[in-house]
Amino acid sequence: QVQLVESGGGLVQPGGSLRLSCAASGSIFNIRAMGWYRQAPGKQRELVATITTLGSTNYADSVKGRFTISRDNAKNTVLLQMNSLKPEDTAVYYCNANGASMITGTPWSSWGQGTQVTVSS
């Protein structure tokens, strides 16, 4: 099992920046991708950004040009640099890791506990 621990959330003014960090531990051998998702009150959980082992990235249209995801494979850590933050970015941000068993091919997914990001003046 993979355990994920997030940090870096908090309160920031519009236009400000935050950096979220997610550290993975446990059975990390078959991680294929890691990423960030967010959920605001009354809304579905949505993808923010993902990154694969090879470094390919994917971003939600709403954060393109403002957020940058990076991954340190040696340290099993993923970062989300968030710039030019807007009030609509306010949400609980969840770290995710996914992969597949080398023995069975069965996919798996693990989630962190979430960290609150609030953008308000």
PDB file of N, CA and C in Angstrom:
ATOM      1  N   GLN A   1       0.830  -1.169   0.000  1.00  0.00           N
ATOM      2  CA  GLN A   1       0.000   0.000   0.000  1.00  0.00           C
ATOM      3  C   GLN A   1       0.883   1.244   0.000  1.00  0.00           C
ATOM      4  N   VAL A   2       0.438   2.265  -0.735  1.00  0.00           N
ATOM      5  CA  VAL A   2       1.144   3.533  -0.811  1.00  0.00           C
ATOM      6  C   VAL A   2       0.461   4.541   0.102  1.00  0.00           C
ATOM      7  N   GLN A   3       1.265   5.219   0.905  1.00  0.00           N
ATOM      8  CA  GLN A   3       0.756   6.285   1.755  1.00  0.00           C
ATOM      9  C   GLN A   3       1.205   7.629   1.194  1.00  0.00           C
ATOM     10  N   LEU A   4       0.308   8.604   1.198  1.00  0.00           N
ATOM     11  CA  LEU A   4       0.587   9.924   0.664  1.00  0.00           C
ATOM     12  C   LEU A   4       0.345  10.970   1.739  1.00  0.00           C
ATOM     13  N   VAL A   5       1.292  11.880   1.897  1.00  0.00           N
ATOM     14  CA  VAL A   5       1.186  12.946   2.879  1.00  0.00           C
ATOM     15  C   VAL A   5       1.368  14.282   2.186  1.00  0.00           C
ATOM     16  N   GLU A   6       0.349  15.136   2.277  1.00  0.00           N
ATOM     17  CA  GLU A   6       0.371  16.446   1.645  1.00  0.00           C
ATOM     18  C   GLU A   6       0.743  17.530   2.648  1.00  0.00           C
ATOM     19  N   SER A   7       1.308  18.613   2.132  1.00  0.00           N
ATOM     20  CA  SER A   7       1.606  19.773   2.951  1.00  0.00           C
ATOM     21  C   SER A   7       1.647  21.007   2.058  1.00  0.00           C
ATOM     22  N   GLY A   8       1.561  22.182   2.667  1.00  0.00           N
ATOM     23  CA  GLY A   8       1.715  23.432   1.938  1.00  0.00           C
ATOM     24  C   GLY A   8       0.452  24.243   1.740  1.00  0.00           C
ATOM     25  N   GLY A   9      -0.695  23.721   2.134  1.00  0.00           N
ATOM     26  CA  GLY A   9      -1.926  24.472   1.985  1.00  0.00           C
ATOM     27  C   GLY A   9      -1.986  25.637   2.954  1.00  0.00           C
ATOM     28  N   GLY A  10      -2.950  26.528   2.724  1.00  0.00           N
ATOM     29  CA  GLY A  10      -3.103  27.673   3.594  1.00  0.00           C
ATOM     30  C   GLY A  10      -3.962  28.748   2.982  1.00  0.00           C
ATOM     31  N   LEU A  11      -3.896  29.936   3.577  1.00  0.00           N
ATOM     32  CA  LEU A  11      -4.661  31.094   3.136  1.00  0.00           C
ATOM     33  C   LEU A  11      -3.749  32.047   2.380  1.00  0.00           C
ATOM     34  N   VAL A  12      -4.199  32.491   1.213  1.00  0.00           N
ATOM     35  CA  VAL A  12      -3.403  33.394   0.389  1.00  0.00           C
ATOM     36  C   VAL A  12      -4.318  34.390  -0.303  1.00  0.00           C
ATOM     37  N   GLN A  13      -3.807  35.588  -0.580  1.00  0.00           N
ATOM     38  CA  GLN A  13      -4.577  36.606  -1.285  1.00  0.00           C
ATOM     39  C   GLN A  13      -4.642  36.313  -2.779  1.00  0.00           C
ATOM     40  N   PRO A  14      -5.677  36.793  -3.454  1.00  0.00           N
ATOM     41  CA  PRO A  14      -5.709  36.652  -4.913  1.00  0.00           C
ATOM     42  C   PRO A  14      -4.439  37.207  -5.549  1.00  0.00           C
ATOM     43  N   GLY A  15      -3.909  36.469  -6.517  1.00  0.00           N
ATOM     44  CA  GLY A  15      -2.663  36.850  -7.156  1.00  0.00           C
ATOM     45  C   GLY A  15      -1.436  36.291  -6.478  1.00  0.00           C
ATOM     46  N   GLY A  16      -1.607  35.701  -5.312  1.00  0.00           N
ATOM     47  CA  GLY A  16      -0.495  35.145  -4.576  1.00  0.00           C
ATOM     48  C   GLY A  16      -0.127  33.748  -5.037  1.00  0.00           C
ATOM     49  N   SER A  17       0.818  33.142  -4.316  1.00  0.00           N
ATOM     50  CA  SER A  17       1.337  31.833  -4.688  1.00  0.00           C
ATOM     51  C   SER A  17       1.394  30.894  -3.489  1.00  0.00           C
ATOM     52  N   LEU A  18       1.267  29.619  -3.771  1.00  0.00           N
ATOM     53  CA  LEU A  18       1.460  28.555  -2.801  1.00  0.00           C
ATOM     54  C   LEU A  18       2.143  27.386  -3.495  1.00  0.00           C
ATOM     55  N   ARG A  19       2.860  26.596  -2.722  1.00  0.00           N
ATOM     56  CA  ARG A  19       3.459  25.385  -3.245  1.00  0.00           C
ATOM     57  C   ARG A  19       3.026  24.201  -2.389  1.00  0.00           C
ATOM     58  N   LEU A  20       2.373  23.241  -3.025  1.00  0.00           N
ATOM     59  CA  LEU A  20       1.937  22.031  -2.349  1.00  0.00           C
ATOM     60  C   LEU A  20       2.952  20.921  -2.572  1.00  0.00           C
ATOM     61  N   SER A  21       3.126  20.092  -1.561  1.00  0.00           N
ATOM     62  CA  SER A  21       4.055  18.982  -1.635  1.00  0.00           C
ATOM     63  C   SER A  21       3.347  17.698  -1.239  1.00  0.00           C
ATOM     64  N   CYS A  22       3.687  16.608  -1.906  1.00  0.00           N
ATOM     65  CA  CYS A  22       3.128  15.295  -1.603  1.00  0.00           C
ATOM     66  C   CYS A  22       4.248  14.275  -1.601  1.00  0.00           C
ATOM     67  N   ALA A  23       4.411  13.594  -0.479  1.00  0.00           N
ATOM     68  CA  ALA A  23       5.440  12.572  -0.342  1.00  0.00           C
ATOM     69  C   ALA A  23       4.799  11.192  -0.279  1.00  0.00           C
ATOM     70  N   ALA A  24       5.299  10.273  -1.094  1.00  0.00           N
ATOM     71  CA  ALA A  24       4.784   8.910  -1.137  1.00  0.00           C
ATOM     72  C   ALA A  24       5.726   7.961  -0.408  1.00  0.00           C
ATOM     73  N   SER A  25       5.152   7.011   0.299  1.00  0.00           N
ATOM     74  CA  SER A  25       5.937   6.001   0.987  1.00  0.00           C
ATOM     75  C   SER A  25       5.197   4.675   0.946  1.00  0.00           C
ATOM     76  N   GLY A  26       5.891   3.597   1.318  1.00  0.00           N
ATOM     77  CA  GLY A  26       5.299   2.279   1.294  1.00  0.00           C
ATOM     78  C   GLY A  26       5.675   1.532   0.032  1.00  0.00           C
ATOM     79  N   SER A  27       4.701   0.858  -0.559  1.00  0.00           N
ATOM     80  CA  SER A  27       4.925   0.063  -1.769  1.00  0.00           C
ATOM     81  C   SER A  27       4.873   0.949  -2.998  1.00  0.00           C
ATOM     82  N   ILE A  28       5.964   1.671  -3.230  1.00  0.00           N
ATOM     83  CA  ILE A  28       6.006   2.681  -4.288  1.00  0.00           C
ATOM     84  C   ILE A  28       6.592   2.170  -5.595  1.00  0.00           C
ATOM     85  N   PHE A  29       6.849   0.883  -5.685  1.00  0.00           N
ATOM     86  CA  PHE A  29       7.583   0.323  -6.823  1.00  0.00           C
ATOM     87  C   PHE A  29       6.905   0.521  -8.166  1.00  0.00           C
ATOM     88  N   ASN A  30       5.595   0.429  -8.192  1.00  0.00           N
ATOM     89  CA  ASN A  30       4.879   0.428  -9.464  1.00  0.00           C
ATOM     90  C   ASN A  30       4.060   1.688  -9.710  1.00  0.00           C
ATOM     91  N   ILE A  31       4.470   2.800  -9.120  1.00  0.00           N
ATOM     92  CA  ILE A  31       3.793   4.061  -9.384  1.00  0.00           C
ATOM     93  C   ILE A  31       4.008   4.459 -10.837  1.00  0.00           C
ATOM     94  N   ARG A  32       2.938   4.774 -11.524  1.00  0.00           N
ATOM     95  CA  ARG A  32       2.990   5.201 -12.921  1.00  0.00           C
ATOM     96  C   ARG A  32       2.830   6.706 -13.066  1.00  0.00           C
ATOM     97  N   ALA A  33       1.993   7.279 -12.208  1.00  0.00           N
ATOM     98  CA  ALA A  33       1.748   8.709 -12.276  1.00  0.00           C
ATOM     99  C   ALA A  33       1.316   9.225 -10.913  1.00  0.00           C
ATOM    100  N   MET A  34       1.549  10.496 -10.685  1.00  0.00           N
ATOM    101  CA  MET A  34       1.070  11.162  -9.497  1.00  0.00           C
ATOM    102  C   MET A  34       0.425  12.470  -9.925  1.00  0.00           C
ATOM    103  N   GLY A  35      -0.428  12.983  -9.078  1.00  0.00           N
ATOM    104  CA  GLY A  35      -1.086  14.212  -9.454  1.00  0.00           C
ATOM    105  C   GLY A  35      -1.875  14.832  -8.328  1.00  0.00           C
ATOM    106  N   TRP A  36      -2.527  15.929  -8.675  1.00  0.00           N
ATOM    107  CA  TRP A  36      -3.336  16.686  -7.734  1.00  0.00           C
ATOM    108  C   TRP A  36      -4.753  16.833  -8.255  1.00  0.00           C
ATOM    109  N   TYR A  37      -5.706  16.663  -7.362  1.00  0.00           N
ATOM    110  CA  TYR A  37      -7.110  16.870  -7.628  1.00  0.00           C
ATOM    111  C   TYR A  37      -7.644  17.821  -6.566  1.00  0.00           C
ATOM    112  N   ARG A  38      -8.782  18.442  -6.841  1.00  0.00           N
ATOM    113  CA  ARG A  38      -9.351  19.349  -5.860  1.00  0.00           C
ATOM    114  C   ARG A  38     -10.865  19.227  -5.832  1.00  0.00           C
ATOM    115  N   GLN A  39     -11.428  19.580  -4.688  1.00  0.00           N
ATOM    116  CA  GLN A  39     -12.867  19.521  -4.519  1.00  0.00           C
ATOM    117  C   GLN A  39     -13.333  20.710  -3.692  1.00  0.00           C
ATOM    118  N   ALA A  40     -14.208  21.504  -4.275  1.00  0.00           N
ATOM    119  CA  ALA A  40     -14.814  22.635  -3.602  1.00  0.00           C
ATOM    120  C   ALA A  40     -16.222  22.252  -3.154  1.00  0.00           C
ATOM    121  N   PRO A  41     -16.770  22.940  -2.145  1.00  0.00           N
ATOM    122  CA  PRO A  41     -18.125  22.632  -1.689  1.00  0.00           C
ATOM    123  C   PRO A  41     -19.132  22.694  -2.825  1.00  0.00           C
ATOM    124  N   GLY A  42     -19.969  21.662  -2.937  1.00  0.00           N
ATOM    125  CA  GLY A  42     -20.984  21.622  -3.963  1.00  0.00           C
ATOM    126  C   GLY A  42     -20.490  21.231  -5.344  1.00  0.00           C
ATOM    127  N   LYS A  43     -19.226  20.882  -5.467  1.00  0.00           N
ATOM    128  CA  LYS A  43     -18.665  20.510  -6.754  1.00  0.00           C
ATOM    129  C   LYS A  43     -18.039  19.122  -6.685  1.00  0.00           C
ATOM    130  N   GLN A  44     -17.908  18.495  -7.849  1.00  0.00           N
ATOM    131  CA  GLN A  44     -17.247  17.208  -7.936  1.00  0.00           C
ATOM    132  C   GLN A  44     -15.737  17.378  -7.813  1.00  0.00           C
ATOM    133  N   ARG A  45     -15.083  16.319  -7.373  1.00  0.00           N
ATOM    134  CA  ARG A  45     -13.638  16.338  -7.372  1.00  0.00           C
ATOM    135  C   ARG A  45     -13.147  16.383  -8.814  1.00  0.00           C
ATOM    136  N   GLU A  46     -12.196  17.266  -9.085  1.00  0.00           N
ATOM    137  CA  GLU A  46     -11.724  17.453 -10.441  1.00  0.00           C
ATOM    138  C   GLU A  46     -10.209  17.372 -10.522  1.00  0.00           C
ATOM    139  N   LEU A  47      -9.740  16.974 -11.677  1.00  0.00           N
ATOM    140  CA  LEU A  47      -8.309  16.912 -11.930  1.00  0.00           C
ATOM    141  C   LEU A  47      -7.723  18.310 -11.999  1.00  0.00           C
ATOM    142  N   VAL A  48      -6.571  18.499 -11.372  1.00  0.00           N
ATOM    143  CA  VAL A  48      -5.831  19.744 -11.469  1.00  0.00           C
ATOM    144  C   VAL A  48      -4.623  19.558 -12.381  1.00  0.00           C
ATOM    145  N   ALA A  49      -3.776  18.585 -12.043  1.00  0.00           N
ATOM    146  CA  ALA A  49      -2.584  18.319 -12.834  1.00  0.00           C
ATOM    147  C   ALA A  49      -2.057  16.936 -12.511  1.00  0.00           C
ATOM    148  N   THR A  50      -1.470  16.270 -13.506  1.00  0.00           N
ATOM    149  CA  THR A  50      -0.843  14.972 -13.306  1.00  0.00           C
ATOM    150  C   THR A  50       0.513  14.955 -13.989  1.00  0.00           C
ATOM    151  N   ILE A  51       1.360  14.039 -13.539  1.00  0.00           N
ATOM    152  CA  ILE A  51       2.672  13.866 -14.152  1.00  0.00           C
ATOM    153  C   ILE A  51       3.040  12.391 -14.105  1.00  0.00           C
ATOM    154  N   THR A  52       3.568  11.874 -15.214  1.00  0.00           N
ATOM    155  CA  THR A  52       3.970  10.480 -15.299  1.00  0.00           C
ATOM    156  C   THR A  52       5.431  10.324 -14.923  1.00  0.00           C
ATOM    157  N   THR A  53       5.869   9.067 -14.829  1.00  0.00           N
ATOM    158  CA  THR A  53       7.259   8.773 -14.520  1.00  0.00           C
ATOM    159  C   THR A  53       8.200   9.385 -15.546  1.00  0.00           C
ATOM    160  N   LEU A  54       7.758   9.441 -16.800  1.00  0.00           N
ATOM    161  CA  LEU A  54       8.575  10.002 -17.869  1.00  0.00           C
ATOM    162  C   LEU A  54       8.534  11.526 -17.916  1.00  0.00           C
ATOM    163  N   GLY A  55       7.675  12.131 -17.122  1.00  0.00           N
ATOM    164  CA  GLY A  55       7.618  13.572 -17.067  1.00  0.00           C
ATOM    165  C   GLY A  55       6.517  14.216 -17.876  1.00  0.00           C
ATOM    166  N   SER A  56       5.672  13.431 -18.521  1.00  0.00           N
ATOM    167  CA  SER A  56       4.553  13.993 -19.265  1.00  0.00           C
ATOM    168  C   SER A  56       3.549  14.597 -18.298  1.00  0.00           C
ATOM    169  N   THR A  57       3.067  15.782 -18.615  1.00  0.00           N
ATOM    170  CA  THR A  57       2.149  16.486 -17.728  1.00  0.00           C
ATOM    171  C   THR A  57       0.802  16.719 -18.388  1.00  0.00           C
ATOM    172  N   ASN A  58      -0.208  16.865 -17.554  1.00  0.00           N
ATOM    173  CA  ASN A  58      -1.553  17.155 -17.999  1.00  0.00           C
ATOM    174  C   ASN A  58      -2.169  18.131 -17.013  1.00  0.00           C
ATOM    175  N   TYR A  59      -2.792  19.191 -17.534  1.00  0.00           N
ATOM    176  CA  TYR A  59      -3.369  20.222 -16.686  1.00  0.00           C
ATOM    177  C   TYR A  59      -4.821  20.472 -17.042  1.00  0.00           C
ATOM    178  N   ALA A  60      -5.597  20.808 -16.029  1.00  0.00           N
ATOM    179  CA  ALA A  60      -6.935  21.300 -16.286  1.00  0.00           C
ATOM    180  C   ALA A  60      -6.842  22.643 -17.004  1.00  0.00           C
ATOM    181  N   ASP A  61      -7.791  22.907 -17.897  1.00  0.00           N
ATOM    182  CA  ASP A  61      -7.767  24.161 -18.640  1.00  0.00           C
ATOM    183  C   ASP A  61      -7.771  25.378 -17.713  1.00  0.00           C
ATOM    184  N   SER A  62      -8.428  25.258 -16.586  1.00  0.00           N
ATOM    185  CA  SER A  62      -8.572  26.376 -15.673  1.00  0.00           C
ATOM    186  C   SER A  62      -7.270  26.783 -14.981  1.00  0.00           C
ATOM    187  N   VAL A  63      -6.255  25.912 -15.001  1.00  0.00           N
ATOM    188  CA  VAL A  63      -5.005  26.216 -14.311  1.00  0.00           C
ATOM    189  C   VAL A  63      -3.815  26.311 -15.245  1.00  0.00           C
ATOM    190  N   LYS A  64      -3.998  26.047 -16.524  1.00  0.00           N
ATOM    191  CA  LYS A  64      -2.892  26.113 -17.476  1.00  0.00           C
ATOM    192  C   LYS A  64      -2.266  27.498 -17.486  1.00  0.00           C
ATOM    193  N   GLY A  65      -0.947  27.528 -17.440  1.00  0.00           N
ATOM    194  CA  GLY A  65      -0.225  28.784 -17.429  1.00  0.00           C
ATOM    195  C   GLY A  65      -0.026  29.365 -16.054  1.00  0.00           C
ATOM    196  N   ARG A  66      -0.734  28.838 -15.051  1.00  0.00           N
ATOM    197  CA  ARG A  66      -0.617  29.350 -13.692  1.00  0.00           C
ATOM    198  C   ARG A  66       0.004  28.329 -12.737  1.00  0.00           C
ATOM    199  N   PHE A  67      -0.321  27.053 -12.939  1.00  0.00           N
ATOM    200  CA  PHE A  67       0.180  25.986 -12.068  1.00  0.00           C
ATOM    201  C   PHE A  67       1.239  25.171 -12.793  1.00  0.00           C
ATOM    202  N   THR A  68       2.203  24.664 -12.041  1.00  0.00           N
ATOM    203  CA  THR A  68       3.230  23.795 -12.587  1.00  0.00           C
ATOM    204  C   THR A  68       3.407  22.589 -11.675  1.00  0.00           C
ATOM    205  N   ILE A  69       3.313  21.393 -12.249  1.00  0.00           N
ATOM    206  CA  ILE A  69       3.525  20.176 -11.483  1.00  0.00           C
ATOM    207  C   ILE A  69       4.906  19.623 -11.812  1.00  0.00           C
ATOM    208  N   SER A  70       5.585  19.108 -10.806  1.00  0.00           N
ATOM    209  CA  SER A  70       6.893  18.502 -10.995  1.00  0.00           C
ATOM    210  C   SER A  70       7.003  17.275 -10.098  1.00  0.00           C
ATOM    211  N   ARG A  71       7.931  16.389 -10.446  1.00  0.00           N
ATOM    212  CA  ARG A  71       8.069  15.135  -9.716  1.00  0.00           C
ATOM    213  C   ARG A  71       9.530  14.786  -9.540  1.00  0.00           C
ATOM    214  N   ASP A  72       9.882  14.385  -8.337  1.00  0.00           N
ATOM    215  CA  ASP A  72      11.215  13.896  -8.031  1.00  0.00           C
ATOM    216  C   ASP A  72      11.077  12.396  -7.810  1.00  0.00           C
ATOM    217  N   ASN A  73      11.379  11.601  -8.837  1.00  0.00           N
ATOM    218  CA  ASN A  73      11.196  10.154  -8.752  1.00  0.00           C
ATOM    219  C   ASN A  73      12.083   9.518  -7.683  1.00  0.00           C
ATOM    220  N   ALA A  74      13.277  10.052  -7.498  1.00  0.00           N
ATOM    221  CA  ALA A  74      14.192   9.505  -6.506  1.00  0.00           C
ATOM    222  C   ALA A  74      13.644   9.667  -5.095  1.00  0.00           C
ATOM    223  N   LYS A  75      12.932  10.760  -4.860  1.00  0.00           N
ATOM    224  CA  LYS A  75      12.382  11.033  -3.541  1.00  0.00           C
ATOM    225  C   LYS A  75      10.901  10.703  -3.431  1.00  0.00           C
ATOM    226  N   ASN A  76      10.320  10.215  -4.523  1.00  0.00           N
ATOM    227  CA  ASN A  76       8.899   9.873  -4.544  1.00  0.00           C
ATOM    228  C   ASN A  76       8.033  11.030  -4.061  1.00  0.00           C
ATOM    229  N   THR A  77       8.326  12.199  -4.578  1.00  0.00           N
ATOM    230  CA  THR A  77       7.638  13.412  -4.166  1.00  0.00           C
ATOM    231  C   THR A  77       7.143  14.173  -5.386  1.00  0.00           C
ATOM    232  N   VAL A  78       5.956  14.742  -5.283  1.00  0.00           N
ATOM    233  CA  VAL A  78       5.407  15.571  -6.341  1.00  0.00           C
ATOM    234  C   VAL A  78       5.077  16.941  -5.760  1.00  0.00           C
ATOM    235  N   LEU A  79       5.348  17.984  -6.538  1.00  0.00           N
ATOM    236  CA  LEU A  79       5.096  19.349  -6.122  1.00  0.00           C
ATOM    237  C   LEU A  79       4.094  20.004  -7.056  1.00  0.00           C
ATOM    238  N   LEU A  80       3.325  20.920  -6.520  1.00  0.00           N
ATOM    239  CA  LEU A  80       2.424  21.728  -7.327  1.00  0.00           C
ATOM    240  C   LEU A  80       2.672  23.187  -6.981  1.00  0.00           C
ATOM    241  N   GLN A  81       3.317  23.898  -7.901  1.00  0.00           N
ATOM    242  CA  GLN A  81       3.538  25.326  -7.735  1.00  0.00           C
ATOM    243  C   GLN A  81       2.331  26.066  -8.284  1.00  0.00           C
ATOM    244  N   MET A  82       1.667  26.832  -7.444  1.00  0.00           N
ATOM    245  CA  MET A  82       0.455  27.528  -7.820  1.00  0.00           C
ATOM    246  C   MET A  82       0.710  29.034  -7.770  1.00  0.00           C
ATOM    247  N   ASN A  83       0.657  29.674  -8.927  1.00  0.00           N
ATOM    248  CA  ASN A  83       0.850  31.116  -9.037  1.00  0.00           C
ATOM    249  C   ASN A  83      -0.423  31.784  -9.522  1.00  0.00           C
ATOM    250  N   SER A  84      -0.480  33.099  -9.345  1.00  0.00           N
ATOM    251  CA  SER A  84      -1.635  33.888  -9.790  1.00  0.00           C
ATOM    252  C   SER A  84      -2.945  33.273  -9.320  1.00  0.00           C
ATOM    253  N   LEU A  85      -3.001  32.945  -8.057  1.00  0.00           N
ATOM    254  CA  LEU A  85      -4.163  32.258  -7.509  1.00  0.00           C
ATOM    255  C   LEU A  85      -5.411  33.126  -7.556  1.00  0.00           C
ATOM    256  N   LYS A  86      -6.535  32.469  -7.808  1.00  0.00           N
ATOM    257  CA  LYS A  86      -7.834  33.116  -7.906  1.00  0.00           C
ATOM    258  C   LYS A  86      -8.769  32.561  -6.838  1.00  0.00           C
ATOM    259  N   PRO A  87      -9.793  33.316  -6.453  1.00  0.00           N
ATOM    260  CA  PRO A  87     -10.745  32.800  -5.465  1.00  0.00           C
ATOM    261  C   PRO A  87     -11.359  31.462  -5.870  1.00  0.00           C
ATOM    262  N   GLU A  88     -11.562  31.242  -7.163  1.00  0.00           N
ATOM    263  CA  GLU A  88     -12.136  29.988  -7.625  1.00  0.00           C
ATOM    264  C   GLU A  88     -11.197  28.798  -7.480  1.00  0.00           C
ATOM    265  N   ASP A  89      -9.946  29.045  -7.108  1.00  0.00           N
ATOM    266  CA  ASP A  89      -9.016  27.963  -6.811  1.00  0.00           C
ATOM    267  C   ASP A  89      -9.222  27.409  -5.402  1.00  0.00           C
ATOM    268  N   THR A  90     -10.044  28.069  -4.602  1.00  0.00           N
ATOM    269  CA  THR A  90     -10.302  27.619  -3.243  1.00  0.00           C
ATOM    270  C   THR A  90     -10.931  26.230  -3.248  1.00  0.00           C
ATOM    271  N   ALA A  91     -10.304  25.299  -2.541  1.00  0.00           N
ATOM    272  CA  ALA A  91     -10.775  23.920  -2.504  1.00  0.00           C
ATOM    273  C   ALA A  91      -9.878  23.117  -1.570  1.00  0.00           C
ATOM    274  N   VAL A  92     -10.302  21.896  -1.296  1.00  0.00           N
ATOM    275  CA  VAL A  92      -9.418  20.931  -0.666  1.00  0.00           C
ATOM    276  C   VAL A  92      -8.656  20.230  -1.780  1.00  0.00           C
ATOM    277  N   TYR A  93      -7.344  20.233  -1.691  1.00  0.00           N
ATOM    278  CA  TYR A  93      -6.497  19.631  -2.708  1.00  0.00           C
ATOM    279  C   TYR A  93      -6.005  18.274  -2.227  1.00  0.00           C
ATOM    280  N   TYR A  94      -6.181  17.264  -3.074  1.00  0.00           N
ATOM    281  CA  TYR A  94      -5.821  15.900  -2.744  1.00  0.00           C
ATOM    282  C   TYR A  94      -4.710  15.400  -3.652  1.00  0.00           C
ATOM    283  N   CYS A  95      -3.722  14.766  -3.065  1.00  0.00           N
ATOM    284  CA  CYS A  95      -2.660  14.119  -3.820  1.00  0.00           C
ATOM    285  C   CYS A  95      -3.103  12.719  -4.216  1.00  0.00           C
ATOM    286  N   ASN A  96      -2.709  12.289  -5.397  1.00  0.00           N
ATOM    287  CA  ASN A  96      -3.053  10.965  -5.895  1.00  0.00           C
ATOM    288  C   ASN A  96      -1.833  10.290  -6.501  1.00  0.00           C
ATOM    289  N   ALA A  97      -1.752   8.987  -6.316  1.00  0.00           N
ATOM    290  CA  ALA A  97      -0.757   8.174  -6.993  1.00  0.00           C
ATOM    291  C   ALA A  97      -1.455   6.954  -7.565  1.00  0.00           C
ATOM    292  N   ASN A  98      -1.077   6.555  -8.763  1.00  0.00           N
ATOM    293  CA  ASN A  98      -1.673   5.371  -9.354  1.00  0.00           C
ATOM    294  C   ASN A  98      -0.621   4.542 -10.060  1.00  0.00           C
ATOM    295  N   GLY A  99      -0.947   3.274 -10.255  1.00  0.00           N
ATOM    296  CA  GLY A  99      -0.033   2.365 -10.916  1.00  0.00           C
ATOM    297  C   GLY A  99      -0.725   1.057 -11.208  1.00  0.00           C
ATOM    298  N   ALA A 100       0.072   0.028 -11.473  1.00  0.00           N
ATOM    299  CA  ALA A 100      -0.462  -1.290 -11.772  1.00  0.00           C
ATOM    300  C   ALA A 100       0.480  -2.361 -11.245  1.00  0.00           C
ATOM    301  N   SER A 101      -0.085  -3.448 -10.764  1.00  0.00           N
ATOM    302  CA  SER A 101       0.706  -4.562 -10.264  1.00  0.00           C
ATOM    303  C   SER A 101       1.493  -5.207 -11.398  1.00  0.00           C
ATOM    304  N   MET A 102       2.766  -5.454 -11.164  1.00  0.00           N
ATOM    305  CA  MET A 102       3.586  -6.142 -12.161  1.00  0.00           C
ATOM    306  C   MET A 102       3.227  -7.620 -12.253  1.00  0.00           C
ATOM    307  N   ILE A 103       2.599  -8.146 -11.219  1.00  0.00           N
ATOM    308  CA  ILE A 103       2.234  -9.557 -11.189  1.00  0.00           C
ATOM    309  C   ILE A 103       0.903  -9.815 -11.877  1.00  0.00           C
ATOM    310  N   THR A 104      -0.098  -9.023 -11.548  1.00  0.00           N
ATOM    311  CA  THR A 104      -1.442  -9.242 -12.060  1.00  0.00           C
ATOM    312  C   THR A 104      -1.901  -8.219 -13.086  1.00  0.00           C
ATOM    313  N   GLY A 105      -1.248  -7.080 -13.138  1.00  0.00           N
ATOM    314  CA  GLY A 105      -1.671  -6.015 -14.021  1.00  0.00           C
ATOM    315  C   GLY A 105      -2.837  -5.210 -13.479  1.00  0.00           C
ATOM    316  N   THR A 106      -3.286  -5.536 -12.287  1.00  0.00           N
ATOM    317  CA  THR A 106      -4.418  -4.839 -11.691  1.00  0.00           C
ATOM    318  C   THR A 106      -4.041  -3.406 -11.323  1.00  0.00           C
ATOM    319  N   PRO A 107      -4.796  -2.430 -11.796  1.00  0.00           N
ATOM    320  CA  PRO A 107      -4.491  -1.046 -11.456  1.00  0.00           C
ATOM    321  C   PRO A 107      -4.863  -0.731 -10.013  1.00  0.00           C
ATOM    322  N   TRP A 108      -4.192   0.249  -9.451  1.00  0.00           N
ATOM    323  CA  TRP A 108      -4.490   0.697  -8.104  1.00  0.00           C
ATOM    324  C   TRP A 108      -4.377   2.208  -8.041  1.00  0.00           C
ATOM    325  N   SER A 109      -4.974   2.780  -7.016  1.00  0.00           N
ATOM    326  CA  SER A 109      -4.950   4.217  -6.821  1.00  0.00           C
ATOM    327  C   SER A 109      -4.974   4.519  -5.332  1.00  0.00           C
ATOM    328  N   SER A 110      -4.159   5.479  -4.913  1.00  0.00           N
ATOM    329  CA  SER A 110      -4.096   5.884  -3.517  1.00  0.00           C
ATOM    330  C   SER A 110      -4.290   7.389  -3.413  1.00  0.00           C
ATOM    331  N   TRP A 111      -4.868   7.819  -2.301  1.00  0.00           N
ATOM    332  CA  TRP A 111      -5.173   9.229  -2.075  1.00  0.00           C
ATOM    333  C   TRP A 111      -4.612   9.714  -0.753  1.00  0.00           C
ATOM    334  N   GLY A 112      -4.208  10.971  -0.726  1.00  0.00           N
ATOM    335  CA  GLY A 112      -3.820  11.609   0.508  1.00  0.00           C
ATOM    336  C   GLY A 112      -5.032  12.108   1.261  1.00  0.00           C
ATOM    337  N   GLN A 113      -4.802  12.700   2.415  1.00  0.00           N
ATOM    338  CA  GLN A 113      -5.902  13.146   3.270  1.00  0.00           C
ATOM    339  C   GLN A 113      -6.486  14.488   2.848  1.00  0.00           C
ATOM    340  N   GLY A 114      -5.778  15.227   2.030  1.00  0.00           N
ATOM    341  CA  GLY A 114      -6.241  16.515   1.558  1.00  0.00           C
ATOM    342  C   GLY A 114      -5.658  17.671   2.358  1.00  0.00           C
ATOM    343  N   THR A 115      -5.466  18.801   1.682  1.00  0.00           N
ATOM    344  CA  THR A 115      -4.998  20.010   2.334  1.00  0.00           C
ATOM    345  C   THR A 115      -5.804  21.194   1.808  1.00  0.00           C
ATOM    346  N   GLN A 116      -6.229  22.067   2.708  1.00  0.00           N
ATOM    347  CA  GLN A 116      -7.103  23.178   2.348  1.00  0.00           C
ATOM    348  C   GLN A 116      -6.311  24.326   1.744  1.00  0.00           C
ATOM    349  N   VAL A 117      -6.792  24.821   0.611  1.00  0.00           N
ATOM    350  CA  VAL A 117      -6.261  26.027  -0.019  1.00  0.00           C
ATOM    351  C   VAL A 117      -7.392  27.047  -0.091  1.00  0.00           C
ATOM    352  N   THR A 118      -7.183  28.204   0.509  1.00  0.00           N
ATOM    353  CA  THR A 118      -8.186  29.256   0.501  1.00  0.00           C
ATOM    354  C   THR A 118      -7.586  30.519  -0.093  1.00  0.00           C
ATOM    355  N   VAL A 119      -8.222  31.041  -1.136  1.00  0.00           N
ATOM    356  CA  VAL A 119      -7.777  32.259  -1.807  1.00  0.00           C
ATOM    357  C   VAL A 119      -8.830  33.335  -1.557  1.00  0.00           C
ATOM    358  N   SER A 120      -8.475  34.319  -0.762  1.00  0.00           N
ATOM    359  CA  SER A 120      -9.438  35.348  -0.374  1.00  0.00           C
ATOM    360  C   SER A 120      -8.722  36.626   0.018  1.00  0.00           C
ATOM    361  N   SER A 121      -9.357  37.762  -0.259  1.00  0.00           N
ATOM    362  CA  SER A 121      -8.826  39.050   0.139  1.00  0.00           C
ATOM    363  C   SER A 121      -9.425  39.514   1.459  1.00  0.00           C
TER     364      SER A 121
END
